[in-house]
Amino acid sequence: MSEATLEKLRQEAETLTPDERISLAEHLFATVPANPEIEKAWLEEAERRSKDIDEGKAKLRPWSELQAELKGHLENHHR
C-alpha cells in the first residue's frame, strides 16, 4: 500500500465518530497476528510485576489518584 493511500485512510478514519474509531481500531487490532516473542515478553513482565507486588517492592496507587494525575497532565499539555 502506498503512503498516499495510507494517509487517505487515516484522514477518512478521523472523520468517524469516537465510537466508530474505537470500533475500527478494535477490529484492526484483532486482525494483527500474534507475535510469540512479544507475548512471551509481556508474560515475563507481568510475572515480574506480580512478584514485586507480592514482595512489597512495588508502590501501588489507587486508580482514582492516577486518573486525576493523568487528567491534570493532559489539561496542562493541551493549553
N, C-alpha and C. Protein backbone atom coordinates (compact mmCIF):
# COMPACT_ATOMS: atom_id res chain seq x y z
N MET A 1 0.86 -1.18 0.00
CA MET A 1 0.00 0.00 0.00
C MET A 1 0.89 1.23 0.00
N SER A 2 0.52 2.17 -0.80
CA SER A 2 1.33 3.39 -0.89
C SER A 2 1.10 4.27 0.34
N GLU A 3 2.07 5.12 0.58
CA GLU A 3 1.96 6.06 1.70
C GLU A 3 0.77 7.00 1.49
N ALA A 4 0.50 7.38 0.24
CA ALA A 4 -0.63 8.27 -0.06
C ALA A 4 -1.96 7.58 0.28
N THR A 5 -2.07 6.31 -0.06
CA THR A 5 -3.30 5.56 0.24
C THR A 5 -3.48 5.44 1.75
N LEU A 6 -2.39 5.13 2.43
CA LEU A 6 -2.45 5.01 3.89
C LEU A 6 -2.86 6.34 4.52
N GLU A 7 -2.31 7.43 4.03
CA GLU A 7 -2.65 8.75 4.56
C GLU A 7 -4.12 9.07 4.30
N LYS A 8 -4.64 8.70 3.14
CA LYS A 8 -6.05 8.92 2.83
C LYS A 8 -6.94 8.13 3.80
N LEU A 9 -6.56 6.90 4.10
CA LEU A 9 -7.33 6.09 5.06
C LEU A 9 -7.31 6.74 6.45
N ARG A 10 -6.14 7.25 6.85
CA ARG A 10 -6.04 7.92 8.15
C ARG A 10 -6.98 9.13 8.21
N GLN A 11 -6.96 9.91 7.14
CA GLN A 11 -7.81 11.11 7.11
C GLN A 11 -9.29 10.73 7.15
N GLU A 12 -9.66 9.70 6.42
CA GLU A 12 -11.05 9.26 6.44
C GLU A 12 -11.44 8.73 7.82
N ALA A 13 -10.54 8.01 8.45
CA ALA A 13 -10.83 7.47 9.78
C ALA A 13 -11.06 8.59 10.79
N GLU A 14 -10.36 9.70 10.61
CA GLU A 14 -10.51 10.83 11.53
C GLU A 14 -11.87 11.50 11.42
N THR A 15 -12.61 11.23 10.36
CA THR A 15 -13.95 11.81 10.22
C THR A 15 -15.00 10.97 10.93
N LEU A 16 -14.62 9.78 11.39
CA LEU A 16 -15.57 8.91 12.10
C LEU A 16 -15.85 9.45 13.49
N THR A 17 -16.96 9.04 14.04
CA THR A 17 -17.27 9.41 15.43
C THR A 17 -16.29 8.67 16.35
N PRO A 18 -16.14 9.14 17.58
CA PRO A 18 -15.25 8.42 18.51
C PRO A 18 -15.61 6.93 18.64
N ASP A 19 -16.89 6.62 18.76
CA ASP A 19 -17.29 5.22 18.87
C ASP A 19 -16.93 4.43 17.63
N GLU A 20 -17.10 5.02 16.46
CA GLU A 20 -16.75 4.35 15.21
C GLU A 20 -15.24 4.12 15.12
N ARG A 21 -14.45 5.12 15.56
CA ARG A 21 -12.99 4.96 15.53
C ARG A 21 -12.55 3.86 16.49
N ILE A 22 -13.17 3.80 17.66
CA ILE A 22 -12.84 2.74 18.62
C ILE A 22 -13.17 1.38 18.02
N SER A 23 -14.33 1.28 17.41
CA SER A 23 -14.74 0.01 16.79
C SER A 23 -13.76 -0.38 15.69
N LEU A 24 -13.35 0.57 14.86
CA LEU A 24 -12.40 0.29 13.79
C LEU A 24 -11.05 -0.12 14.37
N ALA A 25 -10.59 0.59 15.37
CA ALA A 25 -9.30 0.26 15.98
C ALA A 25 -9.33 -1.14 16.59
N GLU A 26 -10.42 -1.48 17.28
CA GLU A 26 -10.54 -2.81 17.86
C GLU A 26 -10.51 -3.88 16.77
N HIS A 27 -11.22 -3.61 15.67
CA HIS A 27 -11.25 -4.57 14.57
C HIS A 27 -9.85 -4.74 13.97
N LEU A 28 -9.17 -3.62 13.70
CA LEU A 28 -7.84 -3.70 13.11
C LEU A 28 -6.87 -4.40 14.05
N PHE A 29 -6.93 -4.08 15.33
CA PHE A 29 -6.03 -4.71 16.30
C PHE A 29 -6.25 -6.22 16.35
N ALA A 30 -7.52 -6.63 16.27
CA ALA A 30 -7.84 -8.06 16.33
C ALA A 30 -7.31 -8.81 15.11
N THR A 31 -7.05 -8.10 14.01
CA THR A 31 -6.57 -8.77 12.80
C THR A 31 -5.04 -8.86 12.74
N VAL A 32 -4.35 -8.24 13.69
CA VAL A 32 -2.89 -8.30 13.71
C VAL A 32 -2.47 -9.66 14.27
N PRO A 33 -1.65 -10.39 13.54
CA PRO A 33 -1.24 -11.71 14.03
C PRO A 33 -0.45 -11.59 15.34
N ALA A 34 -0.64 -12.56 16.20
CA ALA A 34 0.09 -12.58 17.47
C ALA A 34 1.57 -12.82 17.20
N ASN A 35 2.40 -12.20 18.00
CA ASN A 35 3.84 -12.38 17.91
C ASN A 35 4.29 -13.11 19.17
N PRO A 36 4.71 -14.37 19.04
CA PRO A 36 5.08 -15.16 20.22
C PRO A 36 6.15 -14.50 21.08
N GLU A 37 7.10 -13.80 20.47
CA GLU A 37 8.16 -13.15 21.24
C GLU A 37 7.59 -12.02 22.10
N ILE A 38 6.66 -11.26 21.53
CA ILE A 38 6.03 -10.17 22.29
C ILE A 38 5.16 -10.74 23.39
N GLU A 39 4.38 -11.77 23.08
CA GLU A 39 3.53 -12.40 24.10
C GLU A 39 4.38 -12.91 25.26
N LYS A 40 5.51 -13.54 24.96
CA LYS A 40 6.41 -14.07 26.00
C LYS A 40 6.96 -12.93 26.85
N ALA A 41 7.36 -11.84 26.19
CA ALA A 41 7.91 -10.69 26.92
C ALA A 41 6.87 -10.08 27.85
N TRP A 42 5.63 -9.96 27.39
CA TRP A 42 4.57 -9.40 28.24
C TRP A 42 4.29 -10.32 29.43
N LEU A 43 4.28 -11.63 29.20
CA LEU A 43 4.05 -12.58 30.30
C LEU A 43 5.16 -12.48 31.33
N GLU A 44 6.40 -12.40 30.87
CA GLU A 44 7.53 -12.25 31.80
C GLU A 44 7.42 -10.95 32.59
N GLU A 45 7.01 -9.87 31.93
CA GLU A 45 6.86 -8.58 32.62
C GLU A 45 5.74 -8.65 33.66
N ALA A 46 4.63 -9.28 33.29
CA ALA A 46 3.51 -9.42 34.24
C ALA A 46 3.93 -10.24 35.45
N GLU A 47 4.68 -11.30 35.21
CA GLU A 47 5.15 -12.13 36.33
C GLU A 47 6.12 -11.36 37.22
N ARG A 48 7.00 -10.56 36.60
CA ARG A 48 7.94 -9.75 37.38
C ARG A 48 7.20 -8.74 38.24
N ARG A 49 6.21 -8.08 37.64
CA ARG A 49 5.45 -7.09 38.40
C ARG A 49 4.65 -7.74 39.52
N SER A 50 4.08 -8.89 39.25
CA SER A 50 3.33 -9.61 40.29
C SER A 50 4.24 -9.97 41.45
N LYS A 51 5.43 -10.42 41.13
CA LYS A 51 6.40 -10.78 42.18
C LYS A 51 6.78 -9.55 42.99
N ASP A 52 7.01 -8.42 42.31
CA ASP A 52 7.34 -7.17 43.01
C ASP A 52 6.22 -6.76 43.95
N ILE A 53 4.99 -6.94 43.54
CA ILE A 53 3.85 -6.61 44.40
C ILE A 53 3.84 -7.54 45.61
N ASP A 54 3.97 -8.84 45.36
CA ASP A 54 3.95 -9.82 46.45
C ASP A 54 5.07 -9.58 47.46
N GLU A 55 6.22 -9.10 46.98
CA GLU A 55 7.37 -8.87 47.86
C GLU A 55 7.38 -7.46 48.45
N GLY A 56 6.37 -6.66 48.13
CA GLY A 56 6.28 -5.31 48.67
C GLY A 56 7.25 -4.33 48.02
N LYS A 57 7.80 -4.67 46.87
CA LYS A 57 8.76 -3.79 46.19
C LYS A 57 8.07 -2.75 45.32
N ALA A 58 6.82 -2.98 44.96
CA ALA A 58 6.11 -2.07 44.08
C ALA A 58 5.25 -1.11 44.90
N LYS A 59 5.23 0.14 44.46
CA LYS A 59 4.37 1.13 45.10
C LYS A 59 3.05 1.16 44.33
N LEU A 60 1.98 0.74 44.97
CA LEU A 60 0.68 0.72 44.33
C LEU A 60 -0.07 2.00 44.67
N ARG A 61 -0.81 2.50 43.68
CA ARG A 61 -1.59 3.71 43.86
C ARG A 61 -3.01 3.46 43.39
N PRO A 62 -3.99 4.09 44.04
CA PRO A 62 -5.38 3.91 43.60
C PRO A 62 -5.59 4.49 42.20
N TRP A 63 -6.45 3.83 41.43
CA TRP A 63 -6.75 4.28 40.07
C TRP A 63 -7.26 5.72 40.08
N SER A 64 -8.08 6.07 41.05
CA SER A 64 -8.63 7.43 41.09
C SER A 64 -7.52 8.47 41.18
N GLU A 65 -6.46 8.16 41.92
CA GLU A 65 -5.33 9.08 42.05
C GLU A 65 -4.58 9.21 40.72
N LEU A 66 -4.33 8.10 40.07
CA LEU A 66 -3.65 8.13 38.77
C LEU A 66 -4.49 8.83 37.72
N GLN A 67 -5.79 8.57 37.75
CA GLN A 67 -6.70 9.18 36.78
C GLN A 67 -6.66 10.70 36.92
N ALA A 68 -6.70 11.20 38.15
CA ALA A 68 -6.66 12.65 38.38
C ALA A 68 -5.32 13.22 37.92
N GLU A 69 -4.23 12.50 38.17
CA GLU A 69 -2.91 12.96 37.75
C GLU A 69 -2.83 13.02 36.22
N LEU A 70 -3.32 11.99 35.55
CA LEU A 70 -3.30 11.98 34.09
C LEU A 70 -4.18 13.08 33.50
N LYS A 71 -5.34 13.29 34.11
CA LYS A 71 -6.23 14.34 33.63
C LYS A 71 -5.55 15.70 33.74
N GLY A 72 -4.89 15.95 34.86
CA GLY A 72 -4.17 17.20 35.04
C GLY A 72 -3.05 17.36 34.03
N HIS A 73 -2.34 16.27 33.79
CA HIS A 73 -1.25 16.30 32.81
C HIS A 73 -1.79 16.62 31.41
N LEU A 74 -2.87 15.98 31.04
CA LEU A 74 -3.46 16.22 29.71
C LEU A 74 -3.97 17.65 29.57
N GLU A 75 -4.60 18.16 30.64
CA GLU A 75 -5.12 19.52 30.60
C GLU A 75 -3.97 20.53 30.44
N ASN A 76 -2.86 20.29 31.13
CA ASN A 76 -1.71 21.19 31.02
C ASN A 76 -1.04 21.07 29.66
N HIS A 77 -1.06 19.90 29.10
CA HIS A 77 -0.40 19.65 27.81
C HIS A 77 -1.18 20.30 26.67
N HIS A 78 -2.50 20.40 26.78
CA HIS A 78 -3.32 20.92 25.69
C HIS A 78 -3.65 22.40 25.82
N ARG A 79 -2.96 23.08 26.69
CA ARG A 79 -3.21 24.53 26.85
C ARG A 79 -2.41 25.32 25.87
